[in-house]
Amino acid sequence: MKVLRLRVNGDEVEAAAPAHWTLLEVLRYRLGLTGSKQGCDKGDCGACTVLVDGAPTLSCITVAALAEGREVVTIEGLMPLHRKAGGSGPDPVQDAFDRCGALQCGFCQPGMLLSAKALLDRVPDPTLQQIREALAGNLCRCTGYTQIFQAVQLVAAERAGRAPEPQSWRRAGDAPSGGECPFREGTVPQTPAEV
């Protein structure tokens, strides 16, 4: 056993774990932070994604000892850290995913949200291609990714103080009601080539 000293979601914590344990195992089974999901256990699905020093990290293939002395953020820390920084309510990424109906079963949600957060912190106004690339390591079996991409675009647009770009498939004159995702109401599905 090794005693690990970690900084998780802004708090200094200690956890005793076997030296070979992954960061995911320590987060889930020693610290009780079960938001990061145990999916493939080989770094393919992204359900275990956490932020380590702001970078998306696959916690299922990261030895926990490598996180010592670094800042780890899990899905449980996203809203509290946003509020600690002076925000109110959920983190803007969480809010946009909710407003755009971006996720369904929730299994991929923690990793998807954290990957999107890392992208938006690094690139405040990403292109659709940058969004696709940043989220490529997070698999979702329930959706076609369209609403997930739209949620990230919505955060970027709102941070820039502008309305999101209308999608090519959006009918002229369609306008969402206040607080709704501007892509959601009165739209028609995108073609596969546009996704």
C-alpha atoms as a PDB file:
ATOM      1  CA  MET A   1       0.000   0.000   0.000  1.00  0.00           C
ATOM      2  CA  LYS A   2       1.029   3.513  -0.732  1.00  0.00           C
ATOM      3  CA  VAL A   3      -0.414   6.685   0.773  1.00  0.00           C
ATOM      4  CA  LEU A   4      -1.189   9.072  -2.064  1.00  0.00           C
ATOM      5  CA  ARG A   5      -1.438  12.797  -1.463  1.00  0.00           C
ATOM      6  CA  LEU A   6      -3.681  14.281  -4.122  1.00  0.00           C
ATOM      7  CA  ARG A   7      -5.409  17.567  -4.839  1.00  0.00           C
ATOM      8  CA  VAL A   8      -8.884  16.626  -6.047  1.00  0.00           C
ATOM      9  CA  ASN A   9     -11.571  19.195  -6.861  1.00  0.00           C
ATOM     10  CA  GLY A  10      -9.662  21.840  -4.965  1.00  0.00           C
ATOM     11  CA  ASP A  11      -9.171  19.782  -1.794  1.00  0.00           C
ATOM     12  CA  GLU A  12      -6.030  18.139  -0.456  1.00  0.00           C
ATOM     13  CA  VAL A  13      -6.799  14.463   0.167  1.00  0.00           C
ATOM     14  CA  GLU A  14      -4.917  11.343   1.182  1.00  0.00           C
ATOM     15  CA  ALA A  15      -5.768   7.835   0.086  1.00  0.00           C
ATOM     16  CA  ALA A  16      -4.043   4.539   0.759  1.00  0.00           C
ATOM     17  CA  ALA A  17      -4.045   2.244  -2.251  1.00  0.00           C
ATOM     18  CA  PRO A  18      -1.930  -0.478  -3.850  1.00  0.00           C
ATOM     19  CA  ALA A  19       0.894   1.040  -5.893  1.00  0.00           C
ATOM     20  CA  HIS A  20      -0.488  -0.404  -9.134  1.00  0.00           C
ATOM     21  CA  TRP A  21      -3.963   1.128  -8.788  1.00  0.00           C
ATOM     22  CA  THR A  22      -5.144   3.524 -11.437  1.00  0.00           C
ATOM     23  CA  LEU A  23      -6.358   7.035 -10.755  1.00  0.00           C
ATOM     24  CA  LEU A  24      -9.878   5.831 -11.576  1.00  0.00           C
ATOM     25  CA  GLU A  25      -9.711   3.122  -8.923  1.00  0.00           C
ATOM     26  CA  VAL A  26      -8.507   5.580  -6.293  1.00  0.00           C
ATOM     27  CA  LEU A  27     -11.166   8.140  -7.207  1.00  0.00           C
ATOM     28  CA  ARG A  28     -14.020   5.619  -7.198  1.00  0.00           C
ATOM     29  CA  TYR A  29     -13.028   3.091  -4.536  1.00  0.00           C
ATOM     30  CA  ARG A  30     -11.019   5.130  -2.053  1.00  0.00           C
ATOM     31  CA  LEU A  31     -12.470   8.634  -2.396  1.00  0.00           C
ATOM     32  CA  GLY A  32     -16.057   7.694  -3.303  1.00  0.00           C
ATOM     33  CA  LEU A  33     -16.078   9.911  -6.415  1.00  0.00           C
ATOM     34  CA  THR A  34     -18.094   7.634  -8.678  1.00  0.00           C
ATOM     35  CA  GLY A  35     -18.925  10.224 -11.341  1.00  0.00           C
ATOM     36  CA  SER A  36     -15.986   9.067 -13.437  1.00  0.00           C
ATOM     37  CA  LYS A  37     -17.255   5.880 -15.010  1.00  0.00           C
ATOM     38  CA  GLN A  38     -15.440   2.584 -15.310  1.00  0.00           C
ATOM     39  CA  GLY A  39     -16.131   1.638 -18.908  1.00  0.00           C
ATOM     40  CA  CYS A  40     -13.629  -0.144 -21.089  1.00  0.00           C
ATOM     41  CA  ASP A  41     -10.663  -0.156 -18.654  1.00  0.00           C
ATOM     42  CA  LYS A  42      -8.275   0.228 -21.588  1.00  0.00           C
ATOM     43  CA  GLY A  43      -8.482   3.894 -22.603  1.00  0.00           C
ATOM     44  CA  ASP A  44     -10.872   3.519 -25.530  1.00  0.00           C
ATOM     45  CA  CYS A  45     -14.230   4.948 -24.425  1.00  0.00           C
ATOM     46  CA  GLY A  46     -13.408   8.138 -22.497  1.00  0.00           C
ATOM     47  CA  ALA A  47     -16.040   7.513 -19.786  1.00  0.00           C
ATOM     48  CA  CYS A  48     -13.304   7.783 -17.140  1.00  0.00           C
ATOM     49  CA  THR A  49     -11.965  11.144 -18.358  1.00  0.00           C
ATOM     50  CA  VAL A  50     -10.910  13.583 -15.641  1.00  0.00           C
ATOM     51  CA  LEU A  51      -8.856  16.761 -15.858  1.00  0.00           C
ATOM     52  CA  VAL A  52      -5.281  16.629 -14.601  1.00  0.00           C
ATOM     53  CA  ASP A  53      -3.764  20.101 -14.557  1.00  0.00           C
ATOM     54  CA  GLY A  54      -6.549  21.095 -16.945  1.00  0.00           C
ATOM     55  CA  ALA A  55      -5.846  18.392 -19.535  1.00  0.00           C
ATOM     56  CA  PRO A  56      -8.298  15.561 -20.286  1.00  0.00           C
ATOM     57  CA  THR A  57      -6.795  12.375 -18.870  1.00  0.00           C
ATOM     58  CA  LEU A  58      -7.999   8.785 -19.133  1.00  0.00           C
ATOM     59  CA  SER A  59      -8.001   7.844 -15.469  1.00  0.00           C
ATOM     60  CA  CYS A  60      -8.447   4.119 -16.188  1.00  0.00           C
ATOM     61  CA  ILE A  61      -4.953   3.888 -17.695  1.00  0.00           C
ATOM     62  CA  THR A  62      -3.188   6.461 -15.495  1.00  0.00           C
ATOM     63  CA  VAL A  63      -1.347   5.118 -12.474  1.00  0.00           C
ATOM     64  CA  ALA A  64      -2.654   7.096  -9.487  1.00  0.00           C
ATOM     65  CA  ALA A  65       0.828   7.945  -8.217  1.00  0.00           C
ATOM     66  CA  LEU A  66       1.378  10.035 -11.362  1.00  0.00           C
ATOM     67  CA  ALA A  67      -1.347  12.434 -10.168  1.00  0.00           C
ATOM     68  CA  GLU A  68       0.430  13.335  -6.935  1.00  0.00           C
ATOM     69  CA  GLY A  69       1.174  17.050  -6.775  1.00  0.00           C
ATOM     70  CA  ARG A  70      -1.179  17.794  -9.665  1.00  0.00           C
ATOM     71  CA  GLU A  71      -4.679  19.291  -9.808  1.00  0.00           C
ATOM     72  CA  VAL A  72      -7.328  16.643 -10.508  1.00  0.00           C
ATOM     73  CA  VAL A  73     -10.882  17.686 -11.392  1.00  0.00           C
ATOM     74  CA  THR A  74     -13.701  15.167 -11.606  1.00  0.00           C
ATOM     75  CA  ILE A  75     -17.295  15.779 -12.651  1.00  0.00           C
ATOM     76  CA  GLU A  76     -18.183  16.230  -8.968  1.00  0.00           C
ATOM     77  CA  GLY A  77     -15.911  19.279  -8.827  1.00  0.00           C
ATOM     78  CA  LEU A  78     -17.111  21.064 -11.954  1.00  0.00           C
ATOM     79  CA  MET A  79     -19.979  23.072 -10.429  1.00  0.00           C
ATOM     80  CA  PRO A  80     -18.329  23.751  -7.024  1.00  0.00           C
ATOM     81  CA  LEU A  81     -15.158  25.026  -8.715  1.00  0.00           C
ATOM     82  CA  HIS A  82     -17.256  27.208 -11.048  1.00  0.00           C
ATOM     83  CA  ARG A  83     -19.037  28.712  -8.046  1.00  0.00           C
ATOM     84  CA  LYS A  84     -15.786  29.130  -6.136  1.00  0.00           C
ATOM     85  CA  ALA A  85     -14.487  31.163  -9.092  1.00  0.00           C
ATOM     86  CA  GLY A  86     -17.468  33.522  -8.747  1.00  0.00           C
ATOM     87  CA  GLY A  87     -20.005  31.860 -11.036  1.00  0.00           C
ATOM     88  CA  SER A  88     -23.526  30.926 -10.098  1.00  0.00           C
ATOM     89  CA  GLY A  89     -25.480  27.794 -10.890  1.00  0.00           C
ATOM     90  CA  PRO A  90     -23.888  24.947 -12.793  1.00  0.00           C
ATOM     91  CA  ASP A  91     -20.777  25.357 -14.910  1.00  0.00           C
ATOM     92  CA  PRO A  92     -21.710  26.841 -18.329  1.00  0.00           C
ATOM     93  CA  VAL A  93     -20.764  23.559 -20.008  1.00  0.00           C
ATOM     94  CA  GLN A  94     -23.170  21.624 -17.775  1.00  0.00           C
ATOM     95  CA  ASP A  95     -25.897  24.193 -18.400  1.00  0.00           C
ATOM     96  CA  ALA A  96     -25.465  24.101 -22.192  1.00  0.00           C
ATOM     97  CA  PHE A  97     -25.455  20.295 -22.305  1.00  0.00           C
ATOM     98  CA  ASP A  98     -28.720  20.334 -20.350  1.00  0.00           C
ATOM     99  CA  ARG A  99     -30.327  23.053 -22.479  1.00  0.00           C
ATOM    100  CA  CYS A 100     -29.365  21.342 -25.743  1.00  0.00           C
ATOM    101  CA  GLY A 101     -30.418  17.863 -24.623  1.00  0.00           C
ATOM    102  CA  ALA A 102     -26.878  16.750 -25.356  1.00  0.00           C
ATOM    103  CA  LEU A 103     -26.809  13.553 -23.325  1.00  0.00           C
ATOM    104  CA  GLN A 104     -29.157  10.712 -22.706  1.00  0.00           C
ATOM    105  CA  CYS A 105     -28.196   7.773 -20.496  1.00  0.00           C
ATOM    106  CA  GLY A 106     -25.475   9.725 -18.665  1.00  0.00           C
ATOM    107  CA  PHE A 107     -22.724   7.102 -18.749  1.00  0.00           C
ATOM    108  CA  CYS A 108     -20.456   9.108 -21.061  1.00  0.00           C
ATOM    109  CA  GLN A 109     -21.572  12.453 -19.617  1.00  0.00           C
ATOM    110  CA  PRO A 110     -18.797  13.035 -17.052  1.00  0.00           C
ATOM    111  CA  GLY A 111     -15.972  12.429 -19.502  1.00  0.00           C
ATOM    112  CA  MET A 112     -17.722  14.289 -22.314  1.00  0.00           C
ATOM    113  CA  LEU A 113     -18.348  17.350 -20.129  1.00  0.00           C
ATOM    114  CA  LEU A 114     -14.780  17.443 -18.851  1.00  0.00           C
ATOM    115  CA  SER A 115     -13.303  17.081 -22.347  1.00  0.00           C
ATOM    116  CA  ALA A 116     -15.554  19.919 -23.544  1.00  0.00           C
ATOM    117  CA  LYS A 117     -14.552  22.060 -20.545  1.00  0.00           C
ATOM    118  CA  ALA A 118     -10.855  21.502 -21.253  1.00  0.00           C
ATOM    119  CA  LEU A 119     -11.325  22.472 -24.901  1.00  0.00           C
ATOM    120  CA  LEU A 120     -13.240  25.658 -24.057  1.00  0.00           C
ATOM    121  CA  ASP A 121     -10.646  26.640 -21.440  1.00  0.00           C
ATOM    122  CA  ARG A 122      -7.888  26.162 -24.010  1.00  0.00           C
ATOM    123  CA  VAL A 123      -9.723  27.476 -27.108  1.00  0.00           C
ATOM    124  CA  PRO A 124     -12.532  29.876 -26.094  1.00  0.00           C
ATOM    125  CA  ASP A 125     -14.186  29.896 -29.536  1.00  0.00           C
ATOM    126  CA  PRO A 126     -13.415  26.546 -31.178  1.00  0.00           C
ATOM    127  CA  THR A 127     -14.387  25.601 -34.699  1.00  0.00           C
ATOM    128  CA  LEU A 128     -16.667  22.629 -35.270  1.00  0.00           C
ATOM    129  CA  GLN A 129     -13.623  20.639 -36.402  1.00  0.00           C
ATOM    130  CA  GLN A 130     -11.769  21.491 -33.175  1.00  0.00           C
ATOM    131  CA  ILE A 131     -14.814  20.390 -31.164  1.00  0.00           C
ATOM    132  CA  ARG A 132     -14.994  17.100 -33.057  1.00  0.00           C
ATOM    133  CA  GLU A 133     -11.291  16.446 -32.509  1.00  0.00           C
ATOM    134  CA  ALA A 134     -11.412  17.346 -28.805  1.00  0.00           C
ATOM    135  CA  LEU A 135     -14.349  15.000 -28.172  1.00  0.00           C
ATOM    136  CA  ALA A 136     -13.166  12.203 -30.463  1.00  0.00           C
ATOM    137  CA  GLY A 137     -11.907  10.183 -27.484  1.00  0.00           C
ATOM    138  CA  ASN A 138     -15.287  10.230 -25.761  1.00  0.00           C
ATOM    139  CA  LEU A 139     -17.678   7.651 -27.149  1.00  0.00           C
ATOM    140  CA  CYS A 140     -21.435   7.963 -26.811  1.00  0.00           C
ATOM    141  CA  ARG A 141     -23.715   5.112 -27.882  1.00  0.00           C
ATOM    142  CA  CYS A 142     -26.990   7.003 -27.337  1.00  0.00           C
ATOM    143  CA  THR A 143     -26.625  10.065 -29.563  1.00  0.00           C
ATOM    144  CA  GLY A 144     -25.461  11.171 -32.973  1.00  0.00           C
ATOM    145  CA  TYR A 145     -23.176  13.777 -31.315  1.00  0.00           C
ATOM    146  CA  THR A 146     -25.029  16.685 -32.999  1.00  0.00           C
ATOM    147  CA  GLN A 147     -26.505  18.069 -29.784  1.00  0.00           C
ATOM    148  CA  ILE A 148     -23.209  17.551 -27.958  1.00  0.00           C
ATOM    149  CA  PHE A 149     -21.375  19.656 -30.550  1.00  0.00           C
ATOM    150  CA  GLN A 150     -24.154  22.248 -30.421  1.00  0.00           C
ATOM    151  CA  ALA A 151     -23.826  22.530 -26.637  1.00  0.00           C
ATOM    152  CA  VAL A 152     -20.112  23.304 -26.954  1.00  0.00           C
ATOM    153  CA  GLN A 153     -20.847  25.842 -29.701  1.00  0.00           C
ATOM    154  CA  LEU A 154     -23.488  27.433 -27.464  1.00  0.00           C
ATOM    155  CA  VAL A 155     -21.025  27.923 -24.588  1.00  0.00           C
ATOM    156  CA  ALA A 156     -18.488  29.504 -26.938  1.00  0.00           C
ATOM    157  CA  ALA A 157     -21.076  31.837 -28.463  1.00  0.00           C
ATOM    158  CA  GLU A 158     -22.486  32.929 -25.114  1.00  0.00           C
ATOM    159  CA  ARG A 159     -19.015  33.576 -23.715  1.00  0.00           C
ATOM    160  CA  ALA A 160     -18.307  35.762 -26.751  1.00  0.00           C
ATOM    161  CA  GLY A 161     -21.604  37.587 -26.233  1.00  0.00           C
ATOM    162  CA  ARG A 162     -23.090  36.584 -29.566  1.00  0.00           C
ATOM    163  CA  ALA A 163     -25.835  34.356 -30.801  1.00  0.00           C
ATOM    164  CA  PRO A 164     -24.684  30.974 -32.095  1.00  0.00           C
ATOM    165  CA  GLU A 165     -24.278  30.717 -35.843  1.00  0.00           C
ATOM    166  CA  PRO A 166     -27.463  29.377 -37.402  1.00  0.00           C
ATOM    167  CA  GLN A 167     -27.053  25.889 -38.750  1.00  0.00           C
ATOM    168  CA  SER A 168     -27.396  25.373 -42.500  1.00  0.00           C
ATOM    169  CA  TRP A 169     -30.400  23.102 -41.931  1.00  0.00           C
ATOM    170  CA  ARG A 170     -32.242  25.569 -39.686  1.00  0.00           C
ATOM    171  CA  ARG A 171     -35.431  27.012 -41.162  1.00  0.00           C
ATOM    172  CA  ALA A 172     -35.512  30.784 -41.649  1.00  0.00           C
ATOM    173  CA  GLY A 173     -37.386  32.541 -38.881  1.00  0.00           C
ATOM    174  CA  ASP A 174     -37.087  29.751 -36.317  1.00  0.00           C
ATOM    175  CA  ALA A 175     -36.254  31.219 -32.943  1.00  0.00           C
ATOM    176  CA  PRO A 176     -35.883  29.378 -29.662  1.00  0.00           C
ATOM    177  CA  SER A 177     -37.683  30.527 -26.545  1.00  0.00           C
ATOM    178  CA  GLY A 178     -35.605  32.156 -23.815  1.00  0.00           C
ATOM    179  CA  GLY A 179     -33.153  29.808 -22.105  1.00  0.00           C
ATOM    180  CA  GLU A 180     -33.562  27.059 -24.702  1.00  0.00           C
ATOM    181  CA  CYS A 181     -30.784  25.746 -26.858  1.00  0.00           C
ATOM    182  CA  PRO A 182     -31.004  27.813 -30.054  1.00  0.00           C
ATOM    183  CA  PHE A 183     -30.599  24.630 -32.067  1.00  0.00           C
ATOM    184  CA  ARG A 184     -33.308  22.599 -30.359  1.00  0.00           C
ATOM    185  CA  GLU A 185     -36.783  23.957 -31.038  1.00  0.00           C
ATOM    186  CA  GLY A 186     -38.248  23.883 -34.537  1.00  0.00           C
ATOM    187  CA  THR A 187     -35.290  22.269 -36.232  1.00  0.00           C
ATOM    188  CA  VAL A 188     -34.909  19.425 -38.628  1.00  0.00           C
ATOM    189  CA  PRO A 189     -32.210  16.772 -38.246  1.00  0.00           C
ATOM    190  CA  GLN A 190     -28.814  17.275 -39.776  1.00  0.00           C
ATOM    191  CA  THR A 191     -27.676  15.054 -42.582  1.00  0.00           C
ATOM    192  CA  PRO A 192     -24.911  12.576 -41.715  1.00  0.00           C
ATOM    193  CA  ALA A 193     -22.458  14.600 -43.831  1.00  0.00           C
ATOM    194  CA  GLU A 194     -22.987  17.623 -41.555  1.00  0.00           C
ATOM    195  CA  VAL A 195     -22.445  15.739 -38.284  1.00  0.00           C
END
